[in-house]
Amino acid sequence: MRRQEGCSLLGATPIDQVQPRSVGRVAGEVSSVRIVPRAGAPSLEVSIDDGHGRATAVFFGRKHLSGLAPGRTVVFEGRVQQSAHRVVIYNPAYELR
């Protein structure tokens, strides 16, 4: 199944269609996981790709979340922000698929 078809099957909005400052549900394949220091504390950044676009989930104060690894399908739900021409969701709820 293609990634583009998968997001609609999971009840998610394509990443290129989410609206900033709204609560959104996006799904995709994890493309990268990295730890980024922010204000002296670590943050875990998880980027996903759904075939329509890319989104990054930022988990403050975390270095690891079990199951979030490249290649895994995940659904993020939370308040969508637009930051430097990218879609960002801070501390979203997530479901592993």
PDB file of N, CA and C in Angstrom:
ATOM      1  N   MET A   1       0.852  -1.183   0.000  1.00  0.00           N
ATOM      2  CA  MET A   1       0.000   0.000   0.000  1.00  0.00           C
ATOM      3  C   MET A   1       0.895   1.242   0.000  1.00  0.00           C
ATOM      4  N   ARG A   2       0.524   2.216  -0.791  1.00  0.00           N
ATOM      5  CA  ARG A   2       1.291   3.454  -0.836  1.00  0.00           C
ATOM      6  C   ARG A   2       1.009   4.300   0.404  1.00  0.00           C
ATOM      7  N   ARG A   3       2.000   5.104   0.787  1.00  0.00           N
ATOM      8  CA  ARG A   3       1.841   5.966   1.962  1.00  0.00           C
ATOM      9  C   ARG A   3       0.664   6.912   1.815  1.00  0.00           C
ATOM     10  N   GLN A   4       0.421   7.414   0.611  1.00  0.00           N
ATOM     11  CA  GLN A   4      -0.669   8.365   0.392  1.00  0.00           C
ATOM     12  C   GLN A   4      -2.022   7.737   0.679  1.00  0.00           C
ATOM     13  N   GLU A   5      -2.193   6.474   0.328  1.00  0.00           N
ATOM     14  CA  GLU A   5      -3.451   5.785   0.600  1.00  0.00           C
ATOM     15  C   GLU A   5      -3.581   5.461   2.085  1.00  0.00           C
ATOM     16  N   GLY A   6      -2.458   5.182   2.736  1.00  0.00           N
ATOM     17  CA  GLY A   6      -2.459   4.787   4.138  1.00  0.00           C
ATOM     18  C   GLY A   6      -2.989   5.850   5.066  1.00  0.00           C
ATOM     19  N   CYS A   7      -2.704   7.130   4.790  1.00  0.00           N
ATOM     20  CA  CYS A   7      -3.144   8.175   5.721  1.00  0.00           C
ATOM     21  C   CYS A   7      -4.665   8.266   5.753  1.00  0.00           C
ATOM     22  N   SER A   8      -5.331   8.091   4.627  1.00  0.00           N
ATOM     23  CA  SER A   8      -6.795   8.161   4.646  1.00  0.00           C
ATOM     24  C   SER A   8      -7.397   6.940   5.337  1.00  0.00           C
ATOM     25  N   LEU A   9      -6.762   5.786   5.210  1.00  0.00           N
ATOM     26  CA  LEU A   9      -7.255   4.587   5.891  1.00  0.00           C
ATOM     27  C   LEU A   9      -7.140   4.712   7.411  1.00  0.00           C
ATOM     28  N   LEU A  10      -6.198   5.526   7.887  1.00  0.00           N
ATOM     29  CA  LEU A  10      -5.999   5.717   9.327  1.00  0.00           C
ATOM     30  C   LEU A  10      -6.787   6.917   9.858  1.00  0.00           C
ATOM     31  N   GLY A  11      -7.634   7.518   9.040  1.00  0.00           N
ATOM     32  CA  GLY A  11      -8.443   8.654   9.472  1.00  0.00           C
ATOM     33  C   GLY A  11      -7.642   9.929   9.636  1.00  0.00           C
ATOM     34  N   ALA A  12      -6.540  10.047   8.900  1.00  0.00           N
ATOM     35  CA  ALA A  12      -5.655  11.201   9.019  1.00  0.00           C
ATOM     36  C   ALA A  12      -5.821  12.138   7.824  1.00  0.00           C
ATOM     37  N   THR A  13      -5.449  13.381   8.027  1.00  0.00           N
ATOM     38  CA  THR A  13      -5.443  14.389   6.980  1.00  0.00           C
ATOM     39  C   THR A  13      -4.079  14.370   6.303  1.00  0.00           C
ATOM     40  N   PRO A  14      -4.016  14.473   4.979  1.00  0.00           N
ATOM     41  CA  PRO A  14      -2.713  14.576   4.324  1.00  0.00           C
ATOM     42  C   PRO A  14      -1.935  15.771   4.892  1.00  0.00           C
ATOM     43  N   ILE A  15      -0.649  15.589   5.098  1.00  0.00           N
ATOM     44  CA  ILE A  15       0.159  16.624   5.757  1.00  0.00           C
ATOM     45  C   ILE A  15       0.103  17.955   5.018  1.00  0.00           C
ATOM     46  N   ASP A  16       0.066  17.942   3.698  1.00  0.00           N
ATOM     47  CA  ASP A  16       0.034  19.199   2.958  1.00  0.00           C
ATOM     48  C   ASP A  16      -1.320  19.912   3.036  1.00  0.00           C
ATOM     49  N   GLN A  17      -2.305  19.302   3.700  1.00  0.00           N
ATOM     50  CA  GLN A  17      -3.627  19.916   3.827  1.00  0.00           C
ATOM     51  C   GLN A  17      -3.990  20.316   5.261  1.00  0.00           C
ATOM     52  N   VAL A  18      -3.120  20.063   6.233  1.00  0.00           N
ATOM     53  CA  VAL A  18      -3.444  20.443   7.609  1.00  0.00           C
ATOM     54  C   VAL A  18      -3.375  21.956   7.754  1.00  0.00           C
ATOM     55  N   GLN A  19      -4.228  22.482   8.627  1.00  0.00           N
ATOM     56  CA  GLN A  19      -4.316  23.916   8.844  1.00  0.00           C
ATOM     57  C   GLN A  19      -3.558  24.317  10.106  1.00  0.00           C
ATOM     58  N   PRO A  20      -2.666  25.321  10.001  1.00  0.00           N
ATOM     59  CA  PRO A  20      -1.957  25.799  11.193  1.00  0.00           C
ATOM     60  C   PRO A  20      -2.927  26.265  12.274  1.00  0.00           C
ATOM     61  N   ARG A  21      -2.533  26.095  13.515  1.00  0.00           N
ATOM     62  CA  ARG A  21      -3.288  26.497  14.706  1.00  0.00           C
ATOM     63  C   ARG A  21      -4.583  25.725  14.888  1.00  0.00           C
ATOM     64  N   SER A  22      -4.690  24.580  14.249  1.00  0.00           N
ATOM     65  CA  SER A  22      -5.857  23.726  14.447  1.00  0.00           C
ATOM     66  C   SER A  22      -5.372  22.384  14.993  1.00  0.00           C
ATOM     67  N   VAL A  23      -6.291  21.619  15.537  1.00  0.00           N
ATOM     68  CA  VAL A  23      -5.932  20.272  15.983  1.00  0.00           C
ATOM     69  C   VAL A  23      -5.995  19.378  14.761  1.00  0.00           C
ATOM     70  N   GLY A  24      -4.901  18.691  14.500  1.00  0.00           N
ATOM     71  CA  GLY A  24      -4.833  17.843  13.317  1.00  0.00           C
ATOM     72  C   GLY A  24      -4.423  16.427  13.660  1.00  0.00           C
ATOM     73  N   ARG A  25      -4.758  15.529  12.751  1.00  0.00           N
ATOM     74  CA  ARG A  25      -4.386  14.118  12.871  1.00  0.00           C
ATOM     75  C   ARG A  25      -3.664  13.761  11.572  1.00  0.00           C
ATOM     76  N   VAL A  26      -2.383  13.437  11.684  1.00  0.00           N
ATOM     77  CA  VAL A  26      -1.573  13.084  10.518  1.00  0.00           C
ATOM     78  C   VAL A  26      -0.948  11.720  10.746  1.00  0.00           C
ATOM     79  N   ALA A  27      -0.698  11.013   9.662  1.00  0.00           N
ATOM     80  CA  ALA A  27      -0.095   9.688   9.749  1.00  0.00           C
ATOM     81  C   ALA A  27       0.977   9.574   8.685  1.00  0.00           C
ATOM     82  N   GLY A  28       1.986   8.786   8.967  1.00  0.00           N
ATOM     83  CA  GLY A  28       3.029   8.578   7.972  1.00  0.00           C
ATOM     84  C   GLY A  28       4.084   7.630   8.487  1.00  0.00           C
ATOM     85  N   GLU A  29       5.094   7.454   7.662  1.00  0.00           N
ATOM     86  CA  GLU A  29       6.219   6.588   8.007  1.00  0.00           C
ATOM     87  C   GLU A  29       7.321   7.433   8.636  1.00  0.00           C
ATOM     88  N   VAL A  30       7.865   6.966   9.745  1.00  0.00           N
ATOM     89  CA  VAL A  30       8.934   7.689  10.419  1.00  0.00           C
ATOM     90  C   VAL A  30      10.161   7.704   9.505  1.00  0.00           C
ATOM     91  N   SER A  31      10.639   8.906   9.190  1.00  0.00           N
ATOM     92  CA  SER A  31      11.812   9.035   8.332  1.00  0.00           C
ATOM     93  C   SER A  31      13.069   9.364   9.126  1.00  0.00           C
ATOM     94  N   SER A  32      12.920  10.019  10.275  1.00  0.00           N
ATOM     95  CA  SER A  32      14.094  10.296  11.116  1.00  0.00           C
ATOM     96  C   SER A  32      13.680  10.526  12.561  1.00  0.00           C
ATOM     97  N   VAL A  33      14.603  10.195  13.446  1.00  0.00           N
ATOM     98  CA  VAL A  33      14.431  10.412  14.884  1.00  0.00           C
ATOM     99  C   VAL A  33      15.739  11.020  15.375  1.00  0.00           C
ATOM    100  N   ARG A  34      15.653  12.172  16.055  1.00  0.00           N
ATOM    101  CA  ARG A  34      16.884  12.792  16.554  1.00  0.00           C
ATOM    102  C   ARG A  34      16.631  13.528  17.864  1.00  0.00           C
ATOM    103  N   ILE A  35      17.684  13.667  18.641  1.00  0.00           N
ATOM    104  CA  ILE A  35      17.626  14.397  19.911  1.00  0.00           C
ATOM    105  C   ILE A  35      18.217  15.779  19.661  1.00  0.00           C
ATOM    106  N   VAL A  36      17.459  16.811  20.045  1.00  0.00           N
ATOM    107  CA  VAL A  36      17.874  18.193  19.840  1.00  0.00           C
ATOM    108  C   VAL A  36      17.814  18.917  21.170  1.00  0.00           C
ATOM    109  N   PRO A  37      18.922  19.551  21.596  1.00  0.00           N
ATOM    110  CA  PRO A  37      18.855  20.317  22.841  1.00  0.00           C
ATOM    111  C   PRO A  37      18.042  21.599  22.646  1.00  0.00           C
ATOM    112  N   ARG A  38      17.141  21.869  23.573  1.00  0.00           N
ATOM    113  CA  ARG A  38      16.335  23.092  23.551  1.00  0.00           C
ATOM    114  C   ARG A  38      16.336  23.673  24.958  1.00  0.00           C
ATOM    115  N   ALA A  39      16.872  24.858  25.076  1.00  0.00           N
ATOM    116  CA  ALA A  39      16.909  25.561  26.362  1.00  0.00           C
ATOM    117  C   ALA A  39      17.502  24.682  27.468  1.00  0.00           C
ATOM    118  N   GLY A  40      18.545  23.952  27.131  1.00  0.00           N
ATOM    119  CA  GLY A  40      19.240  23.153  28.138  1.00  0.00           C
ATOM    120  C   GLY A  40      18.638  21.792  28.423  1.00  0.00           C
ATOM    121  N   ALA A  41      17.546  21.464  27.798  1.00  0.00           N
ATOM    122  CA  ALA A  41      16.912  20.154  28.006  1.00  0.00           C
ATOM    123  C   ALA A  41      16.772  19.446  26.654  1.00  0.00           C
ATOM    124  N   PRO A  42      16.827  18.127  26.666  1.00  0.00           N
ATOM    125  CA  PRO A  42      16.701  17.417  25.394  1.00  0.00           C
ATOM    126  C   PRO A  42      15.260  17.420  24.882  1.00  0.00           C
ATOM    127  N   SER A  43      15.135  17.360  23.579  1.00  0.00           N
ATOM    128  CA  SER A  43      13.836  17.186  22.928  1.00  0.00           C
ATOM    129  C   SER A  43      14.010  16.127  21.858  1.00  0.00           C
ATOM    130  N   LEU A  44      13.028  15.264  21.736  1.00  0.00           N
ATOM    131  CA  LEU A  44      13.043  14.240  20.713  1.00  0.00           C
ATOM    132  C   LEU A  44      12.240  14.750  19.526  1.00  0.00           C
ATOM    133  N   GLU A  45      12.851  14.776  18.336  1.00  0.00           N
ATOM    134  CA  GLU A  45      12.160  15.194  17.124  1.00  0.00           C
ATOM    135  C   GLU A  45      11.972  13.977  16.234  1.00  0.00           C
ATOM    136  N   VAL A  46      10.722  13.705  15.873  1.00  0.00           N
ATOM    137  CA  VAL A  46      10.376  12.563  15.034  1.00  0.00           C
ATOM    138  C   VAL A  46       9.718  13.100  13.768  1.00  0.00           C
ATOM    139  N   SER A  47      10.355  12.874  12.624  1.00  0.00           N
ATOM    140  CA  SER A  47       9.813  13.338  11.348  1.00  0.00           C
ATOM    141  C   SER A  47       9.120  12.191  10.636  1.00  0.00           C
ATOM    142  N   ILE A  48       7.949  12.508  10.055  1.00  0.00           N
ATOM    143  CA  ILE A  48       7.206  11.503   9.282  1.00  0.00           C
ATOM    144  C   ILE A  48       6.951  12.036   7.880  1.00  0.00           C
ATOM    145  N   ASP A  49       6.719  11.107   6.972  1.00  0.00           N
ATOM    146  CA  ASP A  49       6.409  11.427   5.586  1.00  0.00           C
ATOM    147  C   ASP A  49       5.192  10.598   5.193  1.00  0.00           C
ATOM    148  N   ASP A  50       4.180  11.255   4.610  1.00  0.00           N
ATOM    149  CA  ASP A  50       2.977  10.517   4.201  1.00  0.00           C
ATOM    150  C   ASP A  50       2.814  10.453   2.692  1.00  0.00           C
ATOM    151  N   GLY A  51       3.837  10.883   1.940  1.00  0.00           N
ATOM    152  CA  GLY A  51       3.736  10.908   0.494  1.00  0.00           C
ATOM    153  C   GLY A  51       3.180  12.207  -0.037  1.00  0.00           C
ATOM    154  N   HIS A  52       2.565  12.996   0.836  1.00  0.00           N
ATOM    155  CA  HIS A  52       2.040  14.323   0.478  1.00  0.00           C
ATOM    156  C   HIS A  52       2.949  15.416   1.034  1.00  0.00           C
ATOM    157  N   GLY A  53       3.629  15.132   2.125  1.00  0.00           N
ATOM    158  CA  GLY A  53       4.475  16.110   2.792  1.00  0.00           C
ATOM    159  C   GLY A  53       5.145  15.497   4.000  1.00  0.00           C
ATOM    160  N   ARG A  54       5.833  16.358   4.746  1.00  0.00           N
ATOM    161  CA  ARG A  54       6.537  15.913   5.948  1.00  0.00           C
ATOM    162  C   ARG A  54       6.060  16.725   7.141  1.00  0.00           C
ATOM    163  N   ALA A  55       6.063  16.075   8.297  1.00  0.00           N
ATOM    164  CA  ALA A  55       5.710  16.739   9.556  1.00  0.00           C
ATOM    165  C   ALA A  55       6.696  16.277  10.617  1.00  0.00           C
ATOM    166  N   THR A  56       6.919  17.134  11.601  1.00  0.00           N
ATOM    167  CA  THR A  56       7.820  16.809  12.699  1.00  0.00           C
ATOM    168  C   THR A  56       7.078  16.933  14.016  1.00  0.00           C
ATOM    169  N   ALA A  57       7.164  15.884  14.817  1.00  0.00           N
ATOM    170  CA  ALA A  57       6.618  15.911  16.180  1.00  0.00           C
ATOM    171  C   ALA A  57       7.775  16.182  17.129  1.00  0.00           C
ATOM    172  N   VAL A  58       7.583  17.114  18.056  1.00  0.00           N
ATOM    173  CA  VAL A  58       8.615  17.457  19.030  1.00  0.00           C
ATOM    174  C   VAL A  58       8.105  17.081  20.414  1.00  0.00           C
ATOM    175  N   PHE A  59       8.859  16.220  21.085  1.00  0.00           N
ATOM    176  CA  PHE A  59       8.523  15.779  22.442  1.00  0.00           C
ATOM    177  C   PHE A  59       9.542  16.398  23.393  1.00  0.00           C
ATOM    178  N   PHE A  60       9.123  17.400  24.164  1.00  0.00           N
ATOM    179  CA  PHE A  60      10.025  18.102  25.074  1.00  0.00           C
ATOM    180  C   PHE A  60      10.438  17.208  26.234  1.00  0.00           C
ATOM    181  N   GLY A  61      11.709  17.305  26.618  1.00  0.00           N
ATOM    182  CA  GLY A  61      12.210  16.583  27.782  1.00  0.00           C
ATOM    183  C   GLY A  61      12.374  15.084  27.564  1.00  0.00           C
ATOM    184  N   ARG A  62      12.338  14.631  26.329  1.00  0.00           N
ATOM    185  CA  ARG A  62      12.446  13.197  26.041  1.00  0.00           C
ATOM    186  C   ARG A  62      13.686  12.919  25.212  1.00  0.00           C
ATOM    187  N   LYS A  63      14.305  11.766  25.463  1.00  0.00           N
ATOM    188  CA  LYS A  63      15.421  11.305  24.642  1.00  0.00           C
ATOM    189  C   LYS A  63      15.035  10.067  23.845  1.00  0.00           C
ATOM    190  N   HIS A  64      13.927   9.430  24.241  1.00  0.00           N
ATOM    191  CA  HIS A  64      13.528   8.183  23.593  1.00  0.00           C
ATOM    192  C   HIS A  64      12.054   7.915  23.870  1.00  0.00           C
ATOM    193  N   LEU A  65      11.370   7.378  22.883  1.00  0.00           N
ATOM    194  CA  LEU A  65      10.015   6.867  23.048  1.00  0.00           C
ATOM    195  C   LEU A  65       9.989   5.501  22.376  1.00  0.00           C
ATOM    196  N   SER A  66       9.628   4.489  23.109  1.00  0.00           N
ATOM    197  CA  SER A  66       9.635   3.123  22.585  1.00  0.00           C
ATOM    198  C   SER A  66       8.768   3.005  21.341  1.00  0.00           C
ATOM    199  N   GLY A  67       9.296   2.328  20.347  1.00  0.00           N
ATOM    200  CA  GLY A  67       8.552   2.051  19.128  1.00  0.00           C
ATOM    201  C   GLY A  67       8.682   3.094  18.041  1.00  0.00           C
ATOM    202  N   LEU A  68       9.129   4.303  18.377  1.00  0.00           N
ATOM    203  CA  LEU A  68       9.283   5.341  17.352  1.00  0.00           C
ATOM    204  C   LEU A  68      10.660   5.198  16.724  1.00  0.00           C
ATOM    205  N   ALA A  69      10.704   4.532  15.583  1.00  0.00           N
ATOM    206  CA  ALA A  69      11.954   4.269  14.884  1.00  0.00           C
ATOM    207  C   ALA A  69      11.720   4.411  13.382  1.00  0.00           C
ATOM    208  N   PRO A  70      12.750   4.741  12.628  1.00  0.00           N
ATOM    209  CA  PRO A  70      12.601   4.869  11.176  1.00  0.00           C
ATOM    210  C   PRO A  70      11.963   3.624  10.556  1.00  0.00           C
ATOM    211  N   GLY A  71      11.033   3.880   9.637  1.00  0.00           N
ATOM    212  CA  GLY A  71      10.324   2.803   8.953  1.00  0.00           C
ATOM    213  C   GLY A  71       8.990   2.443   9.579  1.00  0.00           C
ATOM    214  N   ARG A  72       8.769   2.850  10.810  1.00  0.00           N
ATOM    215  CA  ARG A  72       7.526   2.541  11.521  1.00  0.00           C
ATOM    216  C   ARG A  72       6.424   3.509  11.099  1.00  0.00           C
ATOM    217  N   THR A  73       5.197   3.032  11.005  1.00  0.00           N
ATOM    218  CA  THR A  73       4.055   3.906  10.714  1.00  0.00           C
ATOM    219  C   THR A  73       3.481   4.405  12.033  1.00  0.00           C
ATOM    220  N   VAL A  74       3.189   5.701  12.079  1.00  0.00           N
ATOM    221  CA  VAL A  74       2.691   6.318  13.308  1.00  0.00           C
ATOM    222  C   VAL A  74       1.630   7.359  12.954  1.00  0.00           C
ATOM    223  N   VAL A  75       0.710   7.577  13.891  1.00  0.00           N
ATOM    224  CA  VAL A  75      -0.311   8.623  13.773  1.00  0.00           C
ATOM    225  C   VAL A  75      -0.051   9.632  14.885  1.00  0.00           C
ATOM    226  N   PHE A  76       0.045  10.908  14.529  1.00  0.00           N
ATOM    227  CA  PHE A  76       0.202  11.991  15.508  1.00  0.00           C
ATOM    228  C   PHE A  76      -1.068  12.817  15.524  1.00  0.00           C
ATOM    229  N   GLU A  77      -1.480  13.235  16.724  1.00  0.00           N
ATOM    230  CA  GLU A  77      -2.636  14.111  16.849  1.00  0.00           C
ATOM    231  C   GLU A  77      -2.322  15.207  17.849  1.00  0.00           C
ATOM    232  N   GLY A  78      -2.524  16.458  17.420  1.00  0.00           N
ATOM    233  CA  GLY A  78      -2.255  17.586  18.301  1.00  0.00           C
ATOM    234  C   GLY A  78      -2.390  18.899  17.554  1.00  0.00           C
ATOM    235  N   ARG A  79      -2.036  19.982  18.231  1.00  0.00           N
ATOM    236  CA  ARG A  79      -2.133  21.322  17.655  1.00  0.00           C
ATOM    237  C   ARG A  79      -1.028  21.505  16.618  1.00  0.00           C
ATOM    238  N   VAL A  80      -1.420  21.836  15.403  1.00  0.00           N
ATOM    239  CA  VAL A  80      -0.485  21.973  14.284  1.00  0.00           C
ATOM    240  C   VAL A  80       0.078  23.391  14.246  1.00  0.00           C
ATOM    241  N   GLN A  81       1.388  23.496  14.074  1.00  0.00           N
ATOM    242  CA  GLN A  81       2.064  24.785  13.934  1.00  0.00           C
ATOM    243  C   GLN A  81       2.826  24.792  12.613  1.00  0.00           C
ATOM    244  N   GLN A  82       3.008  25.954  12.066  1.00  0.00           N
ATOM    245  CA  GLN A  82       3.831  26.133  10.875  1.00  0.00           C
ATOM    246  C   GLN A  82       5.101  26.821  11.367  1.00  0.00           C
ATOM    247  N   SER A  83       6.265  26.209  11.169  1.00  0.00           N
ATOM    248  CA  SER A  83       7.525  26.766  11.654  1.00  0.00           C
ATOM    249  C   SER A  83       8.572  26.639  10.557  1.00  0.00           C
ATOM    250  N   ALA A  84       9.035  27.783  10.049  1.00  0.00           N
ATOM    251  CA  ALA A  84      10.055  27.803   8.997  1.00  0.00           C
ATOM    252  C   ALA A  84       9.672  26.900   7.827  1.00  0.00           C
ATOM    253  N   HIS A  85       8.459  27.033   7.366  1.00  0.00           N
ATOM    254  CA  HIS A  85       7.940  26.281   6.215  1.00  0.00           C
ATOM    255  C   HIS A  85       7.866  24.781   6.451  1.00  0.00           C
ATOM    256  N   ARG A  86       7.685  24.382   7.692  1.00  0.00           N
ATOM    257  CA  ARG A  86       7.478  22.963   7.981  1.00  0.00           C
ATOM    258  C   ARG A  86       6.344  22.819   8.985  1.00  0.00           C
ATOM    259  N   VAL A  87       5.696  21.664   8.943  1.00  0.00           N
ATOM    260  CA  VAL A  87       4.588  21.366   9.856  1.00  0.00           C
ATOM    261  C   VAL A  87       5.186  20.761  11.127  1.00  0.00           C
ATOM    262  N   VAL A  88       4.831  21.344  12.273  1.00  0.00           N
ATOM    263  CA  VAL A  88       5.347  20.883  13.561  1.00  0.00           C
ATOM    264  C   VAL A  88       4.179  20.671  14.511  1.00  0.00           C
ATOM    265  N   ILE A  89       4.229  19.574  15.272  1.00  0.00           N
ATOM    266  CA  ILE A  89       3.232  19.301  16.304  1.00  0.00           C
ATOM    267  C   ILE A  89       4.011  19.055  17.594  1.00  0.00           C
ATOM    268  N   TYR A  90       3.742  19.872  18.611  1.00  0.00           N
ATOM    269  CA  TYR A  90       4.455  19.758  19.880  1.00  0.00           C
ATOM    270  C   TYR A  90       3.714  18.819  20.831  1.00  0.00           C
ATOM    271  N   ASN A  91       4.449  17.879  21.401  1.00  0.00           N
ATOM    272  CA  ASN A  91       3.929  16.898  22.380  1.00  0.00           C
ATOM    273  C   ASN A  91       2.605  16.266  21.951  1.00  0.00           C
ATOM    274  N   PRO A  92       2.550  15.689  20.760  1.00  0.00           N
ATOM    275  CA  PRO A  92       1.290  15.113  20.298  1.00  0.00           C
ATOM    276  C   PRO A  92       0.972  13.785  20.957  1.00  0.00           C
ATOM    277  N   ALA A  93      -0.300  13.425  20.924  1.00  0.00           N
ATOM    278  CA  ALA A  93      -0.685  12.050  21.235  1.00  0.00           C
ATOM    279  C   ALA A  93      -0.235  11.248  20.022  1.00  0.00           C
ATOM    280  N   TYR A  94       0.147   9.996  20.229  1.00  0.00           N
ATOM    281  CA  TYR A  94       0.566   9.198  19.084  1.00  0.00           C
ATOM    282  C   TYR A  94       0.116   7.752  19.210  1.00  0.00           C
ATOM    283  N   GLU A  95      -0.076   7.141  18.042  1.00  0.00           N
ATOM    284  CA  GLU A  95      -0.454   5.728  17.949  1.00  0.00           C
ATOM    285  C   GLU A  95       0.523   5.044  17.026  1.00  0.00           C
ATOM    286  N   LEU A  96       1.087   3.942  17.458  1.00  0.00           N
ATOM    287  CA  LEU A  96       1.964   3.160  16.594  1.00  0.00           C
ATOM    288  C   LEU A  96       1.118   2.219  15.770  1.00  0.00           C
ATOM    289  N   ARG A  97       1.437   2.058  14.523  1.00  0.00           N
ATOM    290  CA  ARG A  97       0.691   1.152  13.630  1.00  0.00           C
ATOM    291  C   ARG A  97       1.601   0.109  13.056  1.00  0.00           C
TER     292      ARG A  97
END
